[in-house]
Each structure stands twice: as C-alpha cells, then as structure tokens.
Amino acid sequence: MSKPIIDADACIGCGACADACPCGVIEVEDVATAANADECVGCGACADACPVGAIEIED
C-alpha cells in the first residue's frame, strides 16, 4: 500500500498538498501530516503540489 512520507523539517505548512489530495489523506496544522494514510491511493498529487519537495510516495 502506498503512503505519503512527509519531511516535517522541510514542510512549510502551506496546505497545497492537502488541497491537491483527492482522498483527503493529508491534514495541515503547523506542518502536513498523513492523518489517513490507509486511504492513500499513491497518485502522487500531494508530492507534485508541494512547492518545497517535502513529500515522497512510498510503496
């Protein structure tokens, strides 16, 4: 199962990843977290949307 791996040190908390995720996997408070990682379909939309490259999709 794929899941987003978020580098909290690199994350700027902008929310672009959460907006891009079609499954609602990403939540953002101060930084992004994969709150519902089991729902991830591995599409990579969150990683593509991240302006600082703080997200990778792990298989």
PDB file of N, CA and C in Angstrom:
ATOM      1  N   MET A   1       0.833  -1.171   0.000  1.00  0.00           N
ATOM      2  CA  MET A   1       0.000   0.000   0.000  1.00  0.00           C
ATOM      3  C   MET A   1       0.885   1.243   0.000  1.00  0.00           C
ATOM      4  N   SER A   2       0.588   2.184  -0.850  1.00  0.00           N
ATOM      5  CA  SER A   2       1.347   3.433  -0.935  1.00  0.00           C
ATOM      6  C   SER A   2       0.958   4.366   0.190  1.00  0.00           C
ATOM      7  N   LYS A   3       1.910   5.217   0.585  1.00  0.00           N
ATOM      8  CA  LYS A   3       1.603   6.236   1.578  1.00  0.00           C
ATOM      9  C   LYS A   3       2.560   7.401   1.415  1.00  0.00           C
ATOM     10  N   PRO A   4       2.087   8.595   1.754  1.00  0.00           N
ATOM     11  CA  PRO A   4       2.960   9.768   1.665  1.00  0.00           C
ATOM     12  C   PRO A   4       3.910   9.822   2.860  1.00  0.00           C
ATOM     13  N   ILE A   5       5.163  10.107   2.577  1.00  0.00           N
ATOM     14  CA  ILE A   5       6.166  10.331   3.614  1.00  0.00           C
ATOM     15  C   ILE A   5       6.476  11.829   3.584  1.00  0.00           C
ATOM     16  N   ILE A   6       6.207  12.493   4.692  1.00  0.00           N
ATOM     17  CA  ILE A   6       6.339  13.948   4.757  1.00  0.00           C
ATOM     18  C   ILE A   6       7.542  14.315   5.623  1.00  0.00           C
ATOM     19  N   ASP A   7       8.429  15.108   5.065  1.00  0.00           N
ATOM     20  CA  ASP A   7       9.588  15.621   5.795  1.00  0.00           C
ATOM     21  C   ASP A   7       9.128  16.862   6.563  1.00  0.00           C
ATOM     22  N   ALA A   8       8.851  16.687   7.848  1.00  0.00           N
ATOM     23  CA  ALA A   8       8.316  17.781   8.663  1.00  0.00           C
ATOM     24  C   ALA A   8       9.270  18.961   8.762  1.00  0.00           C
ATOM     25  N   ASP A   9      10.569  18.687   8.666  1.00  0.00           N
ATOM     26  CA  ASP A   9      11.544  19.783   8.730  1.00  0.00           C
ATOM     27  C   ASP A   9      11.511  20.643   7.471  1.00  0.00           C
ATOM     28  N   ALA A  10      11.152  20.043   6.345  1.00  0.00           N
ATOM     29  CA  ALA A  10      11.106  20.779   5.080  1.00  0.00           C
ATOM     30  C   ALA A  10       9.734  21.414   4.825  1.00  0.00           C
ATOM     31  N   CYS A  11       8.687  20.848   5.416  1.00  0.00           N
ATOM     32  CA  CYS A  11       7.321  21.324   5.200  1.00  0.00           C
ATOM     33  C   CYS A  11       7.168  22.763   5.684  1.00  0.00           C
ATOM     34  N   ILE A  12       6.515  23.585   4.846  1.00  0.00           N
ATOM     35  CA  ILE A  12       6.269  24.984   5.212  1.00  0.00           C
ATOM     36  C   ILE A  12       4.812  25.221   5.632  1.00  0.00           C
ATOM     37  N   GLY A  13       4.002  24.154   5.656  1.00  0.00           N
ATOM     38  CA  GLY A  13       2.627  24.261   6.121  1.00  0.00           C
ATOM     39  C   GLY A  13       1.691  25.033   5.226  1.00  0.00           C
ATOM     40  N   CYS A  14       1.985  25.079   3.942  1.00  0.00           N
ATOM     41  CA  CYS A  14       1.180  25.903   3.030  1.00  0.00           C
ATOM     42  C   CYS A  14      -0.181  25.292   2.687  1.00  0.00           C
ATOM     43  N   GLY A  15      -0.315  23.969   2.805  1.00  0.00           N
ATOM     44  CA  GLY A  15      -1.582  23.313   2.524  1.00  0.00           C
ATOM     45  C   GLY A  15      -1.811  22.909   1.085  1.00  0.00           C
ATOM     46  N   ALA A  16      -0.868  23.154   0.204  1.00  0.00           N
ATOM     47  CA  ALA A  16      -1.040  22.793  -1.205  1.00  0.00           C
ATOM     48  C   ALA A  16      -1.259  21.292  -1.366  1.00  0.00           C
ATOM     49  N   CYS A  17      -0.576  20.505  -0.568  1.00  0.00           N
ATOM     50  CA  CYS A  17      -0.703  19.047  -0.642  1.00  0.00           C
ATOM     51  C   CYS A  17      -2.109  18.600  -0.249  1.00  0.00           C
ATOM     52  N   ALA A  18      -2.639  19.178   0.818  1.00  0.00           N
ATOM     53  CA  ALA A  18      -3.986  18.825   1.274  1.00  0.00           C
ATOM     54  C   ALA A  18      -5.030  19.208   0.232  1.00  0.00           C
ATOM     55  N   ASP A  19      -4.847  20.360  -0.396  1.00  0.00           N
ATOM     56  CA  ASP A  19      -5.772  20.789  -1.442  1.00  0.00           C
ATOM     57  C   ASP A  19      -5.725  19.870  -2.650  1.00  0.00           C
ATOM     58  N   ALA A  20      -4.545  19.335  -2.954  1.00  0.00           N
ATOM     59  CA  ALA A  20      -4.367  18.503  -4.144  1.00  0.00           C
ATOM     60  C   ALA A  20      -4.799  17.054  -3.939  1.00  0.00           C
ATOM     61  N   CYS A  21      -4.833  16.588  -2.700  1.00  0.00           N
ATOM     62  CA  CYS A  21      -5.123  15.176  -2.428  1.00  0.00           C
ATOM     63  C   CYS A  21      -6.596  14.851  -2.666  1.00  0.00           C
ATOM     64  N   PRO A  22      -6.886  13.941  -3.609  1.00  0.00           N
ATOM     65  CA  PRO A  22      -8.280  13.598  -3.894  1.00  0.00           C
ATOM     66  C   PRO A  22      -8.902  12.675  -2.845  1.00  0.00           C
ATOM     67  N   CYS A  23      -8.079  12.131  -1.946  1.00  0.00           N
ATOM     68  CA  CYS A  23      -8.564  11.163  -0.959  1.00  0.00           C
ATOM     69  C   CYS A  23      -8.664  11.716   0.454  1.00  0.00           C
ATOM     70  N   GLY A  24      -8.263  12.949   0.661  1.00  0.00           N
ATOM     71  CA  GLY A  24      -8.326  13.546   1.984  1.00  0.00           C
ATOM     72  C   GLY A  24      -7.339  12.966   2.974  1.00  0.00           C
ATOM     73  N   VAL A  25      -6.210  12.490   2.469  1.00  0.00           N
ATOM     74  CA  VAL A  25      -5.206  11.845   3.319  1.00  0.00           C
ATOM     75  C   VAL A  25      -4.405  12.851   4.133  1.00  0.00           C
ATOM     76  N   ILE A  26      -4.151  14.018   3.574  1.00  0.00           N
ATOM     77  CA  ILE A  26      -3.261  14.997   4.198  1.00  0.00           C
ATOM     78  C   ILE A  26      -4.042  16.015   5.030  1.00  0.00           C
ATOM     79  N   GLU A  27      -3.544  16.258   6.241  1.00  0.00           N
ATOM     80  CA  GLU A  27      -4.071  17.322   7.086  1.00  0.00           C
ATOM     81  C   GLU A  27      -2.920  18.254   7.420  1.00  0.00           C
ATOM     82  N   VAL A  28      -3.209  19.552   7.557  1.00  0.00           N
ATOM     83  CA  VAL A  28      -2.167  20.536   7.845  1.00  0.00           C
ATOM     84  C   VAL A  28      -2.571  21.358   9.059  1.00  0.00           C
ATOM     85  N   GLU A  29      -1.695  21.393  10.042  1.00  0.00           N
ATOM     86  CA  GLU A  29      -1.827  22.346  11.151  1.00  0.00           C
ATOM     87  C   GLU A  29      -0.595  23.228  11.038  1.00  0.00           C
ATOM     88  N   ASP A  30       0.435  22.986  11.809  1.00  0.00           N
ATOM     89  CA  ASP A  30       1.686  23.728  11.618  1.00  0.00           C
ATOM     90  C   ASP A  30       2.476  23.150  10.448  1.00  0.00           C
ATOM     91  N   VAL A  31       2.416  21.824  10.305  1.00  0.00           N
ATOM     92  CA  VAL A  31       3.035  21.114   9.187  1.00  0.00           C
ATOM     93  C   VAL A  31       2.058  20.050   8.697  1.00  0.00           C
ATOM     94  N   ALA A  32       2.309  19.513   7.525  1.00  0.00           N
ATOM     95  CA  ALA A  32       1.443  18.487   6.959  1.00  0.00           C
ATOM     96  C   ALA A  32       1.678  17.145   7.641  1.00  0.00           C
ATOM     97  N   THR A  33       0.602  16.371   7.798  1.00  0.00           N
ATOM     98  CA  THR A  33       0.688  15.013   8.310  1.00  0.00           C
ATOM     99  C   THR A  33      -0.219  14.128   7.471  1.00  0.00           C
ATOM    100  N   ALA A  34       0.162  12.862   7.385  1.00  0.00           N
ATOM    101  CA  ALA A  34      -0.653  11.886   6.669  1.00  0.00           C
ATOM    102  C   ALA A  34      -1.618  11.260   7.672  1.00  0.00           C
ATOM    103  N   ALA A  35      -2.688  11.967   7.966  1.00  0.00           N
ATOM    104  CA  ALA A  35      -3.624  11.560   9.007  1.00  0.00           C
ATOM    105  C   ALA A  35      -4.404  10.299   8.640  1.00  0.00           C
ATOM    106  N   ASN A  36      -4.688  10.114   7.373  1.00  0.00           N
ATOM    107  CA  ASN A  36      -5.481   8.965   6.913  1.00  0.00           C
ATOM    108  C   ASN A  36      -4.685   8.157   5.900  1.00  0.00           C
ATOM    109  N   ALA A  37      -3.458   7.802   6.243  1.00  0.00           N
ATOM    110  CA  ALA A  37      -2.535   7.162   5.289  1.00  0.00           C
ATOM    111  C   ALA A  37      -3.089   5.883   4.675  1.00  0.00           C
ATOM    112  N   ASP A  38      -3.971   5.182   5.382  1.00  0.00           N
ATOM    113  CA  ASP A  38      -4.546   3.954   4.834  1.00  0.00           C
ATOM    114  C   ASP A  38      -5.435   4.210   3.626  1.00  0.00           C
ATOM    115  N   GLU A  39      -5.887   5.435   3.462  1.00  0.00           N
ATOM    116  CA  GLU A  39      -6.753   5.802   2.342  1.00  0.00           C
ATOM    117  C   GLU A  39      -5.973   6.222   1.091  1.00  0.00           C
ATOM    118  N   CYS A  40      -4.659   6.356   1.210  1.00  0.00           N
ATOM    119  CA  CYS A  40      -3.822   6.818   0.099  1.00  0.00           C
ATOM    120  C   CYS A  40      -3.855   5.829  -1.058  1.00  0.00           C
ATOM    121  N   VAL A  41      -4.045   6.357  -2.277  1.00  0.00           N
ATOM    122  CA  VAL A  41      -4.041   5.527  -3.482  1.00  0.00           C
ATOM    123  C   VAL A  41      -2.727   5.645  -4.247  1.00  0.00           C
ATOM    124  N   GLY A  42      -1.789   6.439  -3.716  1.00  0.00           N
ATOM    125  CA  GLY A  42      -0.467   6.555  -4.329  1.00  0.00           C
ATOM    126  C   GLY A  42      -0.427   7.346  -5.611  1.00  0.00           C
ATOM    127  N   CYS A  43      -1.350   8.270  -5.791  1.00  0.00           N
ATOM    128  CA  CYS A  43      -1.417   9.031  -7.044  1.00  0.00           C
ATOM    129  C   CYS A  43      -0.283  10.047  -7.187  1.00  0.00           C
ATOM    130  N   GLY A  44       0.276  10.503  -6.053  1.00  0.00           N
ATOM    131  CA  GLY A  44       1.379  11.459  -6.097  1.00  0.00           C
ATOM    132  C   GLY A  44       0.969  12.911  -6.237  1.00  0.00           C
ATOM    133  N   ALA A  45      -0.331  13.191  -6.200  1.00  0.00           N
ATOM    134  CA  ALA A  45      -0.789  14.577  -6.349  1.00  0.00           C
ATOM    135  C   ALA A  45      -0.230  15.465  -5.251  1.00  0.00           C
ATOM    136  N   CYS A  46      -0.136  14.942  -4.041  1.00  0.00           N
ATOM    137  CA  CYS A  46       0.388  15.747  -2.927  1.00  0.00           C
ATOM    138  C   CYS A  46       1.856  16.085  -3.147  1.00  0.00           C
ATOM    139  N   ALA A  47       2.625  15.102  -3.579  1.00  0.00           N
ATOM    140  CA  ALA A  47       4.060  15.325  -3.828  1.00  0.00           C
ATOM    141  C   ALA A  47       4.262  16.304  -4.976  1.00  0.00           C
ATOM    142  N   ASP A  48       3.446  16.186  -6.016  1.00  0.00           N
ATOM    143  CA  ASP A  48       3.553  17.103  -7.154  1.00  0.00           C
ATOM    144  C   ASP A  48       3.193  18.532  -6.758  1.00  0.00           C
ATOM    145  N   ALA A  49       2.253  18.687  -5.837  1.00  0.00           N
ATOM    146  CA  ALA A  49       1.790  20.014  -5.443  1.00  0.00           C
ATOM    147  C   ALA A  49       2.718  20.703  -4.452  1.00  0.00           C
ATOM    148  N   CYS A  50       3.551  19.946  -3.759  1.00  0.00           N
ATOM    149  CA  CYS A  50       4.405  20.527  -2.727  1.00  0.00           C
ATOM    150  C   CYS A  50       5.483  21.415  -3.344  1.00  0.00           C
ATOM    151  N   PRO A  51       5.477  22.711  -2.992  1.00  0.00           N
ATOM    152  CA  PRO A  51       6.453  23.630  -3.610  1.00  0.00           C
ATOM    153  C   PRO A  51       7.879  23.462  -3.100  1.00  0.00           C
ATOM    154  N   VAL A  52       8.058  22.739  -1.998  1.00  0.00           N
ATOM    155  CA  VAL A  52       9.401  22.563  -1.449  1.00  0.00           C
ATOM    156  C   VAL A  52       9.895  21.126  -1.505  1.00  0.00           C
ATOM    157  N   GLY A  53       9.130  20.240  -2.140  1.00  0.00           N
ATOM    158  CA  GLY A  53       9.559  18.847  -2.295  1.00  0.00           C
ATOM    159  C   GLY A  53       9.627  18.079  -0.981  1.00  0.00           C
ATOM    160  N   ALA A  54       8.724  18.367  -0.044  1.00  0.00           N
ATOM    161  CA  ALA A  54       8.767  17.744   1.266  1.00  0.00           C
ATOM    162  C   ALA A  54       8.019  16.408   1.333  1.00  0.00           C
ATOM    163  N   ILE A  55       7.440  15.960   0.218  1.00  0.00           N
ATOM    164  CA  ILE A  55       6.646  14.732   0.237  1.00  0.00           C
ATOM    165  C   ILE A  55       7.145  13.746  -0.819  1.00  0.00           C
ATOM    166  N   GLU A  56       7.264  12.489  -0.398  1.00  0.00           N
ATOM    167  CA  GLU A  56       7.563  11.382  -1.310  1.00  0.00           C
ATOM    168  C   GLU A  56       6.487  10.323  -1.097  1.00  0.00           C
ATOM    169  N   ILE A  57       6.196   9.574  -2.143  1.00  0.00           N
ATOM    170  CA  ILE A  57       5.238   8.474  -2.033  1.00  0.00           C
ATOM    171  C   ILE A  57       6.031   7.178  -1.888  1.00  0.00           C
ATOM    172  N   GLU A  58       5.771   6.460  -0.795  1.00  0.00           N
ATOM    173  CA  GLU A  58       6.436   5.194  -0.525  1.00  0.00           C
ATOM    174  C   GLU A  58       5.494   4.052  -0.834  1.00  0.00           C
ATOM    175  N   ASP A  59       5.998   3.067  -1.550  1.00  0.00           N
ATOM    176  CA  ASP A  59       5.164   1.884  -1.855  1.00  0.00           C
ATOM    177  C   ASP A  59       5.190   0.903  -0.716  1.00  0.00           C
TER     178      ASP A  59
END
